[in-house]
Amino acid sequence: MHLQINEVAGNKIVAIEGRLDTTTYADLEKTLTNLFDEGCHNMIIDCSAMDYVSSSGLRVFLMILKKIKAANGNLILCGLQPAIYNVFEISGFLSIFNIKENLDQALNQ
């Protein structure tokens, strides 16, 4: 997994490339927690290059969502590939997360 962080219009954009699983989730968790602890309460996670997510990865998304909501911030996930979208649907996460089709939609919200 590779992470890339950018900032656009006051939103931190964290792009995930590759597999988010039991061997890589800790890197994402550390990155998102550090951003949050630095005061970033508006994040967009771009999943367009993420090709797999395990339950460990889902837990990281849920953890940062709870922190951001408690801080009255905003978390948007975008670019979910069909297989990833299905995992979110099966897990019931579609109703929990703000999910946009692509980065442009996420930035224009």
PDB file of N, CA and C in Angstrom:
ATOM      1  N   MET A   1       0.845  -1.178   0.000  1.00  0.00           N
ATOM      2  CA  MET A   1       0.000   0.000   0.000  1.00  0.00           C
ATOM      3  C   MET A   1       0.891   1.242   0.000  1.00  0.00           C
ATOM      4  N   HIS A   2       0.455   2.233  -0.726  1.00  0.00           N
ATOM      5  CA  HIS A   2       1.151   3.524  -0.780  1.00  0.00           C
ATOM      6  C   HIS A   2       0.126   4.611  -0.466  1.00  0.00           C
ATOM      7  N   LEU A   3       0.537   5.586   0.354  1.00  0.00           N
ATOM      8  CA  LEU A   3      -0.328   6.713   0.706  1.00  0.00           C
ATOM      9  C   LEU A   3       0.263   8.000   0.158  1.00  0.00           C
ATOM     10  N   GLN A   4      -0.612   8.851  -0.359  1.00  0.00           N
ATOM     11  CA  GLN A   4      -0.194  10.173  -0.817  1.00  0.00           C
ATOM     12  C   GLN A   4      -1.130  11.192  -0.175  1.00  0.00           C
ATOM     13  N   ILE A   5      -0.556  12.245   0.396  1.00  0.00           N
ATOM     14  CA  ILE A   5      -1.347  13.267   1.086  1.00  0.00           C
ATOM     15  C   ILE A   5      -1.197  14.594   0.361  1.00  0.00           C
ATOM     16  N   ASN A   6      -2.337  15.217   0.039  1.00  0.00           N
ATOM     17  CA  ASN A   6      -2.377  16.539  -0.572  1.00  0.00           C
ATOM     18  C   ASN A   6      -3.390  17.386   0.177  1.00  0.00           C
ATOM     19  N   GLU A   7      -3.372  18.678  -0.079  1.00  0.00           N
ATOM     20  CA  GLU A   7      -4.379  19.558   0.505  1.00  0.00           C
ATOM     21  C   GLU A   7      -4.991  20.413  -0.585  1.00  0.00           C
ATOM     22  N   VAL A   8      -6.329  20.437  -0.614  1.00  0.00           N
ATOM     23  CA  VAL A   8      -7.065  21.236  -1.586  1.00  0.00           C
ATOM     24  C   VAL A   8      -8.218  21.899  -0.852  1.00  0.00           C
ATOM     25  N   ALA A   9      -8.305  23.202  -0.938  1.00  0.00           N
ATOM     26  CA  ALA A   9      -9.411  23.977  -0.361  1.00  0.00           C
ATOM     27  C   ALA A   9      -9.674  23.630   1.104  1.00  0.00           C
ATOM     28  N   GLY A  10      -8.606  23.502   1.872  1.00  0.00           N
ATOM     29  CA  GLY A  10      -8.748  23.238   3.302  1.00  0.00           C
ATOM     30  C   GLY A  10      -9.060  21.804   3.654  1.00  0.00           C
ATOM     31  N   ASN A  11      -9.083  20.934   2.667  1.00  0.00           N
ATOM     32  CA  ASN A  11      -9.325  19.503   2.907  1.00  0.00           C
ATOM     33  C   ASN A  11      -8.041  18.720   2.684  1.00  0.00           C
ATOM     34  N   LYS A  12      -7.716  17.869   3.621  1.00  0.00           N
ATOM     35  CA  LYS A  12      -6.611  16.937   3.411  1.00  0.00           C
ATOM     36  C   LYS A  12      -7.155  15.785   2.578  1.00  0.00           C
ATOM     37  N   ILE A  13      -6.430  15.450   1.543  1.00  0.00           N
ATOM     38  CA  ILE A  13      -6.805  14.331   0.689  1.00  0.00           C
ATOM     39  C   ILE A  13      -5.764  13.237   0.876  1.00  0.00           C
ATOM     40  N   VAL A  14      -6.223  12.102   1.335  1.00  0.00           N
ATOM     41  CA  VAL A  14      -5.351  10.951   1.530  1.00  0.00           C
ATOM     42  C   VAL A  14      -5.719   9.935   0.455  1.00  0.00           C
ATOM     43  N   ALA A  15      -4.807   9.718  -0.474  1.00  0.00           N
ATOM     44  CA  ALA A  15      -5.034   8.756  -1.555  1.00  0.00           C
ATOM     45  C   ALA A  15      -4.371   7.438  -1.188  1.00  0.00           C
ATOM     46  N   ILE A  16      -5.153   6.372  -1.286  1.00  0.00           N
ATOM     47  CA  ILE A  16      -4.664   5.035  -0.964  1.00  0.00           C
ATOM     48  C   ILE A  16      -4.469   4.270  -2.263  1.00  0.00           C
ATOM     49  N   GLU A  17      -3.288   3.674  -2.413  1.00  0.00           N
ATOM     50  CA  GLU A  17      -3.013   2.852  -3.585  1.00  0.00           C
ATOM     51  C   GLU A  17      -2.626   1.456  -3.117  1.00  0.00           C
ATOM     52  N   GLY A  18      -3.278   0.443  -3.673  1.00  0.00           N
ATOM     53  CA  GLY A  18      -2.931  -0.934  -3.334  1.00  0.00           C
ATOM     54  C   GLY A  18      -3.902  -1.561  -2.357  1.00  0.00           C
ATOM     55  N   ARG A  19      -3.382  -2.497  -1.568  1.00  0.00           N
ATOM     56  CA  ARG A  19      -4.190  -3.293  -0.653  1.00  0.00           C
ATOM     57  C   ARG A  19      -4.176  -2.702   0.748  1.00  0.00           C
ATOM     58  N   LEU A  20      -5.349  -2.583   1.329  1.00  0.00           N
ATOM     59  CA  LEU A  20      -5.493  -2.169   2.725  1.00  0.00           C
ATOM     60  C   LEU A  20      -5.928  -3.417   3.489  1.00  0.00           C
ATOM     61  N   ASP A  21      -4.959  -4.033   4.154  1.00  0.00           N
ATOM     62  CA  ASP A  21      -5.232  -5.308   4.814  1.00  0.00           C
ATOM     63  C   ASP A  21      -4.499  -5.384   6.147  1.00  0.00           C
ATOM     64  N   THR A  22      -4.392  -6.582   6.702  1.00  0.00           N
ATOM     65  CA  THR A  22      -3.807  -6.746   8.038  1.00  0.00           C
ATOM     66  C   THR A  22      -2.328  -6.379   8.092  1.00  0.00           C
ATOM     67  N   THR A  23      -1.665  -6.365   6.959  1.00  0.00           N
ATOM     68  CA  THR A  23      -0.255  -5.996   6.961  1.00  0.00           C
ATOM     69  C   THR A  23      -0.017  -4.510   6.715  1.00  0.00           C
ATOM     70  N   THR A  24      -1.057  -3.784   6.263  1.00  0.00           N
ATOM     71  CA  THR A  24      -0.865  -2.376   5.911  1.00  0.00           C
ATOM     72  C   THR A  24      -1.761  -1.403   6.682  1.00  0.00           C
ATOM     73  N   TYR A  25      -2.782  -1.905   7.360  1.00  0.00           N
ATOM     74  CA  TYR A  25      -3.753  -1.004   7.998  1.00  0.00           C
ATOM     75  C   TYR A  25      -3.113  -0.074   9.021  1.00  0.00           C
ATOM     76  N   ALA A  26      -2.070  -0.541   9.720  1.00  0.00           N
ATOM     77  CA  ALA A  26      -1.447   0.268  10.767  1.00  0.00           C
ATOM     78  C   ALA A  26      -0.841   1.551  10.192  1.00  0.00           C
ATOM     79  N   ASP A  27      -0.304   1.480   8.979  1.00  0.00           N
ATOM     80  CA  ASP A  27       0.257   2.682   8.342  1.00  0.00           C
ATOM     81  C   ASP A  27      -0.829   3.722   8.088  1.00  0.00           C
ATOM     82  N   LEU A  28      -1.979   3.270   7.589  1.00  0.00           N
ATOM     83  CA  LEU A  28      -3.083   4.194   7.350  1.00  0.00           C
ATOM     84  C   LEU A  28      -3.599   4.753   8.674  1.00  0.00           C
ATOM     85  N   GLU A  29      -3.754   3.890   9.661  1.00  0.00           N
ATOM     86  CA  GLU A  29      -4.249   4.333  10.963  1.00  0.00           C
ATOM     87  C   GLU A  29      -3.333   5.406  11.559  1.00  0.00           C
ATOM     88  N   LYS A  30      -2.034   5.187  11.490  1.00  0.00           N
ATOM     89  CA  LYS A  30      -1.071   6.157  12.018  1.00  0.00           C
ATOM     90  C   LYS A  30      -1.152   7.479  11.253  1.00  0.00           C
ATOM     91  N   THR A  31      -1.232   7.407   9.927  1.00  0.00           N
ATOM     92  CA  THR A  31      -1.301   8.608   9.104  1.00  0.00           C
ATOM     93  C   THR A  31      -2.556   9.421   9.410  1.00  0.00           C
ATOM     94  N   LEU A  32      -3.709   8.758   9.443  1.00  0.00           N
ATOM     95  CA  LEU A  32      -4.968   9.466   9.695  1.00  0.00           C
ATOM     96  C   LEU A  32      -5.025  10.024  11.112  1.00  0.00           C
ATOM     97  N   THR A  33      -4.536   9.266  12.078  1.00  0.00           N
ATOM     98  CA  THR A  33      -4.515   9.740  13.467  1.00  0.00           C
ATOM     99  C   THR A  33      -3.605  10.941  13.609  1.00  0.00           C
ATOM    100  N   ASN A  34      -2.444  10.904  12.972  1.00  0.00           N
ATOM    101  CA  ASN A  34      -1.527  12.053  13.024  1.00  0.00           C
ATOM    102  C   ASN A  34      -2.160  13.295  12.405  1.00  0.00           C
ATOM    103  N   LEU A  35      -2.811  13.137  11.255  1.00  0.00           N
ATOM    104  CA  LEU A  35      -3.479  14.279  10.626  1.00  0.00           C
ATOM    105  C   LEU A  35      -4.551  14.845  11.552  1.00  0.00           C
ATOM    106  N   PHE A  36      -5.337  13.970  12.146  1.00  0.00           N
ATOM    107  CA  PHE A  36      -6.395  14.411  13.061  1.00  0.00           C
ATOM    108  C   PHE A  36      -5.788  15.129  14.266  1.00  0.00           C
ATOM    109  N   ASP A  37      -4.760  14.551  14.852  1.00  0.00           N
ATOM    110  CA  ASP A  37      -4.123  15.150  16.029  1.00  0.00           C
ATOM    111  C   ASP A  37      -3.483  16.508  15.721  1.00  0.00           C
ATOM    112  N   GLU A  38      -3.121  16.724  14.457  1.00  0.00           N
ATOM    113  CA  GLU A  38      -2.566  18.008  14.025  1.00  0.00           C
ATOM    114  C   GLU A  38      -3.657  19.032  13.744  1.00  0.00           C
ATOM    115  N   GLY A  39      -4.922  18.645  13.930  1.00  0.00           N
ATOM    116  CA  GLY A  39      -6.032  19.585  13.766  1.00  0.00           C
ATOM    117  C   GLY A  39      -6.804  19.439  12.476  1.00  0.00           C
ATOM    118  N   CYS A  40      -6.504  18.437  11.686  1.00  0.00           N
ATOM    119  CA  CYS A  40      -7.215  18.218  10.435  1.00  0.00           C
ATOM    120  C   CYS A  40      -8.508  17.469  10.730  1.00  0.00           C
ATOM    121  N   HIS A  41      -9.627  18.164  10.607  1.00  0.00           N
ATOM    122  CA  HIS A  41     -10.925  17.554  10.878  1.00  0.00           C
ATOM    123  C   HIS A  41     -11.798  17.495   9.633  1.00  0.00           C
ATOM    124  N   ASN A  42     -11.233  17.822   8.483  1.00  0.00           N
ATOM    125  CA  ASN A  42     -11.914  17.684   7.198  1.00  0.00           C
ATOM    126  C   ASN A  42     -10.995  16.886   6.277  1.00  0.00           C
ATOM    127  N   MET A  43     -11.385  15.656   6.003  1.00  0.00           N
ATOM    128  CA  MET A  43     -10.553  14.768   5.198  1.00  0.00           C
ATOM    129  C   MET A  43     -11.367  14.150   4.078  1.00  0.00           C
ATOM    130  N   ILE A  44     -10.668  13.917   2.998  1.00  0.00           N
ATOM    131  CA  ILE A  44     -11.202  13.125   1.893  1.00  0.00           C
ATOM    132  C   ILE A  44     -10.244  11.953   1.710  1.00  0.00           C
ATOM    133  N   ILE A  45     -10.788  10.759   1.714  1.00  0.00           N
ATOM    134  CA  ILE A  45      -9.965   9.583   1.452  1.00  0.00           C
ATOM    135  C   ILE A  45     -10.307   9.099   0.053  1.00  0.00           C
ATOM    136  N   ASP A  46      -9.324   9.198  -0.832  1.00  0.00           N
ATOM    137  CA  ASP A  46      -9.494   8.810  -2.232  1.00  0.00           C
ATOM    138  C   ASP A  46      -9.106   7.337  -2.374  1.00  0.00           C
ATOM    139  N   CYS A  47     -10.088   6.517  -2.634  1.00  0.00           N
ATOM    140  CA  CYS A  47      -9.893   5.066  -2.718  1.00  0.00           C
ATOM    141  C   CYS A  47      -9.829   4.566  -4.159  1.00  0.00           C
ATOM    142  N   SER A  48      -9.686   5.473  -5.112  1.00  0.00           N
ATOM    143  CA  SER A  48      -9.768   5.074  -6.522  1.00  0.00           C
ATOM    144  C   SER A  48      -8.657   4.109  -6.937  1.00  0.00           C
ATOM    145  N   ALA A  49      -7.528   4.107  -6.233  1.00  0.00           N
ATOM    146  CA  ALA A  49      -6.440   3.182  -6.558  1.00  0.00           C
ATOM    147  C   ALA A  49      -6.301   2.074  -5.510  1.00  0.00           C
ATOM    148  N   MET A  50      -7.268   1.989  -4.602  1.00  0.00           N
ATOM    149  CA  MET A  50      -7.263   0.925  -3.600  1.00  0.00           C
ATOM    150  C   MET A  50      -7.984  -0.273  -4.194  1.00  0.00           C
ATOM    151  N   ASP A  51      -7.313  -1.424  -4.209  1.00  0.00           N
ATOM    152  CA  ASP A  51      -7.921  -2.574  -4.869  1.00  0.00           C
ATOM    153  C   ASP A  51      -8.386  -3.670  -3.917  1.00  0.00           C
ATOM    154  N   TYR A  52      -8.189  -3.485  -2.609  1.00  0.00           N
ATOM    155  CA  TYR A  52      -8.654  -4.470  -1.640  1.00  0.00           C
ATOM    156  C   TYR A  52      -8.762  -3.812  -0.277  1.00  0.00           C
ATOM    157  N   VAL A  53      -9.788  -4.193   0.498  1.00  0.00           N
ATOM    158  CA  VAL A  53      -9.908  -3.737   1.879  1.00  0.00           C
ATOM    159  C   VAL A  53     -10.362  -4.911   2.736  1.00  0.00           C
ATOM    160  N   SER A  54      -9.663  -5.105   3.844  1.00  0.00           N
ATOM    161  CA  SER A  54     -10.029  -6.165   4.782  1.00  0.00           C
ATOM    162  C   SER A  54     -10.813  -5.561   5.942  1.00  0.00           C
ATOM    163  N   SER A  55     -11.238  -6.406   6.858  1.00  0.00           N
ATOM    164  CA  SER A  55     -11.954  -5.906   8.035  1.00  0.00           C
ATOM    165  C   SER A  55     -11.070  -4.985   8.866  1.00  0.00           C
ATOM    166  N   SER A  56      -9.769  -5.201   8.858  1.00  0.00           N
ATOM    167  CA  SER A  56      -8.847  -4.304   9.567  1.00  0.00           C
ATOM    168  C   SER A  56      -8.869  -2.912   8.958  1.00  0.00           C
ATOM    169  N   GLY A  57      -8.940  -2.846   7.639  1.00  0.00           N
ATOM    170  CA  GLY A  57      -9.032  -1.558   6.958  1.00  0.00           C
ATOM    171  C   GLY A  57     -10.349  -0.870   7.234  1.00  0.00           C
ATOM    172  N   LEU A  58     -11.430  -1.633   7.247  1.00  0.00           N
ATOM    173  CA  LEU A  58     -12.740  -1.058   7.567  1.00  0.00           C
ATOM    174  C   LEU A  58     -12.736  -0.461   8.969  1.00  0.00           C
ATOM    175  N   ARG A  59     -12.074  -1.138   9.886  1.00  0.00           N
ATOM    176  CA  ARG A  59     -11.996  -0.641  11.258  1.00  0.00           C
ATOM    177  C   ARG A  59     -11.283   0.713  11.314  1.00  0.00           C
ATOM    178  N   VAL A  60     -10.247   0.893  10.512  1.00  0.00           N
ATOM    179  CA  VAL A  60      -9.529   2.173  10.475  1.00  0.00           C
ATOM    180  C   VAL A  60     -10.454   3.277   9.970  1.00  0.00           C
ATOM    181  N   PHE A  61     -11.210   3.005   8.911  1.00  0.00           N
ATOM    182  CA  PHE A  61     -12.159   3.998   8.402  1.00  0.00           C
ATOM    183  C   PHE A  61     -13.180   4.376   9.473  1.00  0.00           C
ATOM    184  N   LEU A  62     -13.689   3.389  10.171  1.00  0.00           N
ATOM    185  CA  LEU A  62     -14.684   3.639  11.215  1.00  0.00           C
ATOM    186  C   LEU A  62     -14.086   4.438  12.367  1.00  0.00           C
ATOM    187  N   MET A  63     -12.856   4.126  12.755  1.00  0.00           N
ATOM    188  CA  MET A  63     -12.176   4.828  13.838  1.00  0.00           C
ATOM    189  C   MET A  63     -12.009   6.312  13.518  1.00  0.00           C
ATOM    190  N   ILE A  64     -11.534   6.626  12.318  1.00  0.00           N
ATOM    191  CA  ILE A  64     -11.304   8.034  11.985  1.00  0.00           C
ATOM    192  C   ILE A  64     -12.634   8.762  11.795  1.00  0.00           C
ATOM    193  N   LEU A  65     -13.653   8.077  11.297  1.00  0.00           N
ATOM    194  CA  LEU A  65     -14.969   8.697  11.166  1.00  0.00           C
ATOM    195  C   LEU A  65     -15.496   9.124  12.540  1.00  0.00           C
ATOM    196  N   LYS A  66     -15.381   8.259  13.514  1.00  0.00           N
ATOM    197  CA  LYS A  66     -15.856   8.582  14.862  1.00  0.00           C
ATOM    198  C   LYS A  66     -15.116   9.788  15.433  1.00  0.00           C
ATOM    199  N   LYS A  67     -13.803   9.836  15.251  1.00  0.00           N
ATOM    200  CA  LYS A  67     -13.013  10.968  15.752  1.00  0.00           C
ATOM    201  C   LYS A  67     -13.428  12.263  15.059  1.00  0.00           C
ATOM    202  N   ILE A  68     -13.566  12.209  13.745  1.00  0.00           N
ATOM    203  CA  ILE A  68     -13.893  13.411  12.983  1.00  0.00           C
ATOM    204  C   ILE A  68     -15.301  13.903  13.320  1.00  0.00           C
ATOM    205  N   LYS A  69     -16.254  12.987  13.435  1.00  0.00           N
ATOM    206  CA  LYS A  69     -17.614  13.394  13.797  1.00  0.00           C
ATOM    207  C   LYS A  69     -17.654  14.031  15.177  1.00  0.00           C
ATOM    208  N   ALA A  70     -16.890  13.484  16.125  1.00  0.00           N
ATOM    209  CA  ALA A  70     -16.847  14.039  17.478  1.00  0.00           C
ATOM    210  C   ALA A  70     -16.278  15.457  17.483  1.00  0.00           C
ATOM    211  N   ALA A  71     -15.452  15.762  16.481  1.00  0.00           N
ATOM    212  CA  ALA A  71     -14.849  17.093  16.364  1.00  0.00           C
ATOM    213  C   ALA A  71     -15.645  17.990  15.416  1.00  0.00           C
ATOM    214  N   ASN A  72     -16.857  17.561  15.039  1.00  0.00           N
ATOM    215  CA  ASN A  72     -17.706  18.300  14.100  1.00  0.00           C
ATOM    216  C   ASN A  72     -17.036  18.528  12.757  1.00  0.00           C
ATOM    217  N   GLY A  73     -16.221  17.572  12.349  1.00  0.00           N
ATOM    218  CA  GLY A  73     -15.552  17.657  11.058  1.00  0.00           C
ATOM    219  C   GLY A  73     -16.312  16.892   9.993  1.00  0.00           C
ATOM    220  N   ASN A  74     -15.642  16.662   8.870  1.00  0.00           N
ATOM    221  CA  ASN A  74     -16.273  16.009   7.734  1.00  0.00           C
ATOM    222  C   ASN A  74     -15.287  15.026   7.103  1.00  0.00           C
ATOM    223  N   LEU A  75     -15.754  13.804   6.910  1.00  0.00           N
ATOM    224  CA  LEU A  75     -14.964  12.774   6.245  1.00  0.00           C
ATOM    225  C   LEU A  75     -15.740  12.307   5.024  1.00  0.00           C
ATOM    226  N   ILE A  76     -15.067  12.311   3.879  1.00  0.00           N
ATOM    227  CA  ILE A  76     -15.673  11.831   2.642  1.00  0.00           C
ATOM    228  C   ILE A  76     -14.766  10.752   2.064  1.00  0.00           C
ATOM    229  N   LEU A  77     -15.366   9.646   1.656  1.00  0.00           N
ATOM    230  CA  LEU A  77     -14.656   8.612   0.919  1.00  0.00           C
ATOM    231  C   LEU A  77     -15.066   8.731  -0.538  1.00  0.00           C
ATOM    232  N   CYS A  78     -14.130   8.567  -1.437  1.00  0.00           N
ATOM    233  CA  CYS A  78     -14.486   8.666  -2.858  1.00  0.00           C
ATOM    234  C   CYS A  78     -13.721   7.645  -3.682  1.00  0.00           C
ATOM    235  N   GLY A  79     -14.261   7.388  -4.859  1.00  0.00           N
ATOM    236  CA  GLY A  79     -13.601   6.529  -5.828  1.00  0.00           C
ATOM    237  C   GLY A  79     -13.592   5.059  -5.472  1.00  0.00           C
ATOM    238  N   LEU A  80     -14.613   4.586  -4.748  1.00  0.00           N
ATOM    239  CA  LEU A  80     -14.647   3.170  -4.382  1.00  0.00           C
ATOM    240  C   LEU A  80     -14.814   2.305  -5.632  1.00  0.00           C
ATOM    241  N   GLN A  81     -13.890   1.386  -5.828  1.00  0.00           N
ATOM    242  CA  GLN A  81     -14.003   0.427  -6.916  1.00  0.00           C
ATOM    243  C   GLN A  81     -15.188  -0.494  -6.639  1.00  0.00           C
ATOM    244  N   PRO A  82     -15.775  -1.124  -7.661  1.00  0.00           N
ATOM    245  CA  PRO A  82     -16.968  -1.953  -7.450  1.00  0.00           C
ATOM    246  C   PRO A  82     -16.824  -3.009  -6.352  1.00  0.00           C
ATOM    247  N   ALA A  83     -15.699  -3.695  -6.297  1.00  0.00           N
ATOM    248  CA  ALA A  83     -15.514  -4.724  -5.266  1.00  0.00           C
ATOM    249  C   ALA A  83     -15.459  -4.100  -3.872  1.00  0.00           C
ATOM    250  N   ILE A  84     -14.819  -2.941  -3.759  1.00  0.00           N
ATOM    251  CA  ILE A  84     -14.730  -2.242  -2.470  1.00  0.00           C
ATOM    252  C   ILE A  84     -16.121  -1.722  -2.088  1.00  0.00           C
ATOM    253  N   TYR A  85     -16.833  -1.180  -3.062  1.00  0.00           N
ATOM    254  CA  TYR A  85     -18.192  -0.696  -2.822  1.00  0.00           C
ATOM    255  C   TYR A  85     -19.064  -1.828  -2.272  1.00  0.00           C
ATOM    256  N   ASN A  86     -18.923  -3.023  -2.847  1.00  0.00           N
ATOM    257  CA  ASN A  86     -19.693  -4.173  -2.376  1.00  0.00           C
ATOM    258  C   ASN A  86     -19.364  -4.528  -0.933  1.00  0.00           C
ATOM    259  N   VAL A  87     -18.103  -4.440  -0.560  1.00  0.00           N
ATOM    260  CA  VAL A  87     -17.704  -4.705   0.823  1.00  0.00           C
ATOM    261  C   VAL A  87     -18.377  -3.691   1.753  1.00  0.00           C
ATOM    262  N   PHE A  88     -18.383  -2.418   1.361  1.00  0.00           N
ATOM    263  CA  PHE A  88     -19.045  -1.390   2.162  1.00  0.00           C
ATOM    264  C   PHE A  88     -20.552  -1.647   2.249  1.00  0.00           C
ATOM    265  N   GLU A  89     -21.135  -2.094   1.152  1.00  0.00           N
ATOM    266  CA  GLU A  89     -22.568  -2.374   1.134  1.00  0.00           C
ATOM    267  C   GLU A  89     -22.904  -3.545   2.063  1.00  0.00           C
ATOM    268  N   ILE A  90     -22.162  -4.629   1.953  1.00  0.00           N
ATOM    269  CA  ILE A  90     -22.401  -5.822   2.769  1.00  0.00           C
ATOM    270  C   ILE A  90     -22.205  -5.530   4.258  1.00  0.00           C
ATOM    271  N   SER A  91     -21.217  -4.690   4.566  1.00  0.00           N
ATOM    272  CA  SER A  91     -20.906  -4.382   5.966  1.00  0.00           C
ATOM    273  C   SER A  91     -21.859  -3.345   6.570  1.00  0.00           C
ATOM    274  N   GLY A  92     -22.696  -2.738   5.729  1.00  0.00           N
ATOM    275  CA  GLY A  92     -23.610  -1.703   6.212  1.00  0.00           C
ATOM    276  C   GLY A  92     -22.975  -0.333   6.304  1.00  0.00           C
ATOM    277  N   PHE A  93     -21.782  -0.169   5.774  1.00  0.00           N
ATOM    278  CA  PHE A  93     -21.057   1.097   5.874  1.00  0.00           C
ATOM    279  C   PHE A  93     -21.550   2.162   4.901  1.00  0.00           C
ATOM    280  N   LEU A  94     -22.313   1.778   3.886  1.00  0.00           N
ATOM    281  CA  LEU A  94     -22.801   2.789   2.937  1.00  0.00           C
ATOM    282  C   LEU A  94     -23.685   3.814   3.633  1.00  0.00           C
ATOM    283  N   SER A  95     -24.410   3.389   4.634  1.00  0.00           N
ATOM    284  CA  SER A  95     -25.294   4.322   5.341  1.00  0.00           C
ATOM    285  C   SER A  95     -24.568   5.131   6.409  1.00  0.00           C
ATOM    286  N   ILE A  96     -23.363   4.748   6.730  1.00  0.00           N
ATOM    287  CA  ILE A  96     -22.590   5.423   7.777  1.00  0.00           C
ATOM    288  C   ILE A  96     -21.680   6.501   7.193  1.00  0.00           C
ATOM    289  N   PHE A  97     -21.097   6.193   6.047  1.00  0.00           N
ATOM    290  CA  PHE A  97     -20.097   7.076   5.449  1.00  0.00           C
ATOM    291  C   PHE A  97     -20.690   7.957   4.363  1.00  0.00           C
ATOM    292  N   ASN A  98     -20.078   9.132   4.187  1.00  0.00           N
ATOM    293  CA  ASN A  98     -20.381  10.025   3.080  1.00  0.00           C
ATOM    294  C   ASN A  98     -19.493   9.576   1.921  1.00  0.00           C
ATOM    295  N   ILE A  99     -20.089   8.948   0.915  1.00  0.00           N
ATOM    296  CA  ILE A  99     -19.330   8.377  -0.190  1.00  0.00           C
ATOM    297  C   ILE A  99     -19.698   9.088  -1.484  1.00  0.00           C
ATOM    298  N   LYS A 100     -18.676   9.536  -2.193  1.00  0.00           N
ATOM    299  CA  LYS A 100     -18.855  10.198  -3.484  1.00  0.00           C
ATOM    300  C   LYS A 100     -18.194   9.360  -4.574  1.00  0.00           C
ATOM    301  N   GLU A 101     -18.697   9.534  -5.780  1.00  0.00           N
ATOM    302  CA  GLU A 101     -18.218   8.734  -6.900  1.00  0.00           C
ATOM    303  C   GLU A 101     -16.750   8.990  -7.235  1.00  0.00           C
ATOM    304  N   ASN A 102     -16.348  10.268  -7.150  1.00  0.00           N
ATOM    305  CA  ASN A 102     -14.964  10.592  -7.519  1.00  0.00           C
ATOM    306  C   ASN A 102     -14.480  11.796  -6.702  1.00  0.00           C
ATOM    307  N   LEU A 103     -13.224  12.148  -6.871  1.00  0.00           N
ATOM    308  CA  LEU A 103     -12.616  13.231  -6.111  1.00  0.00           C
ATOM    309  C   LEU A 103     -13.254  14.568  -6.425  1.00  0.00           C
ATOM    310  N   ASP A 104     -13.596  14.817  -7.668  1.00  0.00           N
ATOM    311  CA  ASP A 104     -14.236  16.080  -8.026  1.00  0.00           C
ATOM    312  C   ASP A 104     -15.546  16.279  -7.260  1.00  0.00           C
ATOM    313  N   GLN A 105     -16.355  15.237  -7.178  1.00  0.00           N
ATOM    314  CA  GLN A 105     -17.612  15.335  -6.418  1.00  0.00           C
ATOM    315  C   GLN A 105     -17.337  15.565  -4.942  1.00  0.00           C
ATOM    316  N   ALA A 106     -16.327  14.910  -4.418  1.00  0.00           N
ATOM    317  CA  ALA A 106     -15.993  15.064  -3.005  1.00  0.00           C
ATOM    318  C   ALA A 106     -15.555  16.506  -2.718  1.00  0.00           C
ATOM    319  N   LEU A 107     -14.764  17.076  -3.608  1.00  0.00           N
ATOM    320  CA  LEU A 107     -14.290  18.441  -3.411  1.00  0.00           C
ATOM    321  C   LEU A 107     -15.404  19.469  -3.567  1.00  0.00           C
ATOM    322  N   ASN A 108     -16.433  19.154  -4.349  1.00  0.00           N
ATOM    323  CA  ASN A 108     -17.521  20.092  -4.596  1.00  0.00           C
ATOM    324  C   ASN A 108     -18.667  19.961  -3.611  1.00  0.00           C
ATOM    325  N   GLN A 109     -18.506  19.136  -2.608  1.00  0.00           N
ATOM    326  CA  GLN A 109     -19.588  18.995  -1.631  1.00  0.00           C
ATOM    327  C   GLN A 109     -19.611  20.164  -0.693  1.00  0.00           C
TER     328      GLN A 109
END
